[in-house]
């Protein structure tokens, strides 16, 4: 059985406040389970997968931004300095 994480444990891993983790769970941004008591829990495996997905997205964004910068530099023709 996988470990179930509390919102505080999730928040600690994501370096956000507990309230932010709770809000993300309630909004469905984080795949969490709502207990009959009204508390949220998240499987550690789900958090691992969520983090991996976010790292992949961030890497793609960095790559795209880098490629856009290179394309922009090629497209912009700077006038040469004449003395």
Protein backbone atom coordinates (compact mmCIF):
# COMPACT_ATOMS: atom_id res chain seq x y z
CA UNK A 1 0.00 0.00 0.00
CA UNK A 2 1.29 3.41 -0.91
CA UNK A 3 1.88 6.10 1.71
CA UNK A 4 -0.88 8.65 2.06
CA UNK A 5 0.35 12.21 2.51
CA UNK A 6 -1.36 14.96 4.48
CA UNK A 7 -1.70 18.46 3.00
CA UNK A 8 1.15 19.57 5.30
CA UNK A 9 3.44 16.84 3.94
CA UNK A 10 2.51 17.72 0.36
CA UNK A 11 3.10 21.40 1.08
CA UNK A 12 6.50 20.65 2.54
CA UNK A 13 7.56 18.71 -0.57
CA UNK A 14 6.28 21.42 -2.92
CA UNK A 15 7.63 24.29 -0.81
CA UNK A 16 4.24 25.97 -0.54
CA UNK A 17 1.96 26.68 2.41
CA UNK A 18 -0.37 24.02 3.76
CA UNK A 19 -3.31 26.21 2.78
CA UNK A 20 -2.08 26.36 -0.83
CA UNK A 21 -1.75 22.56 -0.96
CA UNK A 22 -5.27 22.22 0.49
CA UNK A 23 -6.64 24.67 -2.07
CA UNK A 24 -4.94 22.84 -4.96
CA UNK A 25 -6.40 19.56 -3.67
CA UNK A 26 -9.89 21.07 -3.37
CA UNK A 27 -9.65 22.61 -6.87
CA UNK A 28 -8.47 19.33 -8.36
CA UNK A 29 -5.07 20.70 -9.37
CA UNK A 30 -3.52 17.96 -7.23
CA UNK A 31 -4.99 14.44 -7.43
CA UNK A 32 -6.20 13.99 -3.86
CA UNK A 33 -8.72 11.91 -1.97
CA UNK A 34 -11.38 13.59 0.16
CA UNK A 35 -11.96 11.62 3.34
CA UNK A 36 -15.38 11.42 5.05
CA UNK A 37 -13.92 13.67 7.76
CA UNK A 38 -13.44 16.43 5.15
CA UNK A 39 -9.65 16.09 5.20
CA UNK A 40 -7.59 15.53 2.06
CA UNK A 41 -4.92 12.91 1.48
CA UNK A 42 -2.71 12.32 -1.52
CA UNK A 43 -0.89 9.16 -2.52
CA UNK A 44 2.89 9.61 -2.54
CA UNK A 45 3.04 7.96 -5.98
CA UNK A 46 0.57 10.50 -7.35
CA UNK A 47 2.66 13.37 -6.01
CA UNK A 48 5.79 11.84 -7.56
CA UNK A 49 4.03 11.63 -10.93
CA UNK A 50 2.65 15.18 -10.59
CA UNK A 51 6.12 16.56 -9.83
CA UNK A 52 7.67 14.65 -12.75
CA UNK A 53 5.03 16.04 -15.12
CA UNK A 54 5.70 19.58 -13.91
CA UNK A 55 9.46 19.15 -14.36
CA UNK A 56 8.87 17.94 -17.93
CA UNK A 57 6.60 20.91 -18.68
CA UNK A 58 9.16 23.33 -17.22
CA UNK A 59 11.93 21.80 -19.33
CA UNK A 60 9.82 22.15 -22.49
CA UNK A 61 9.05 25.77 -21.63
CA UNK A 62 12.73 26.55 -21.10
CA UNK A 63 13.60 24.84 -24.41
CA UNK A 64 10.89 26.76 -26.26
CA UNK A 65 11.98 30.07 -24.75
CA UNK A 66 15.59 29.36 -25.70
CA UNK A 67 14.61 28.48 -29.27
CA UNK A 68 12.43 31.60 -29.54
CA UNK A 69 15.35 33.77 -28.43
CA UNK A 70 17.64 32.19 -31.01
CA UNK A 71 15.04 32.69 -33.77
CA UNK A 72 14.49 36.30 -32.75
CA UNK A 73 18.21 37.03 -32.87
CA UNK A 74 18.37 35.61 -36.39
CA UNK A 75 15.35 37.62 -37.52
CA UNK A 76 16.53 40.96 -36.18
CA UNK A 77 19.01 42.66 -38.48
CA UNK A 78 21.10 45.16 -36.60
CA UNK A 79 22.59 48.00 -38.64
CA UNK A 80 26.36 47.88 -38.83
CA UNK A 81 28.31 50.67 -37.22
CA UNK A 82 30.08 52.90 -39.64
CA UNK A 83 32.90 55.15 -38.46
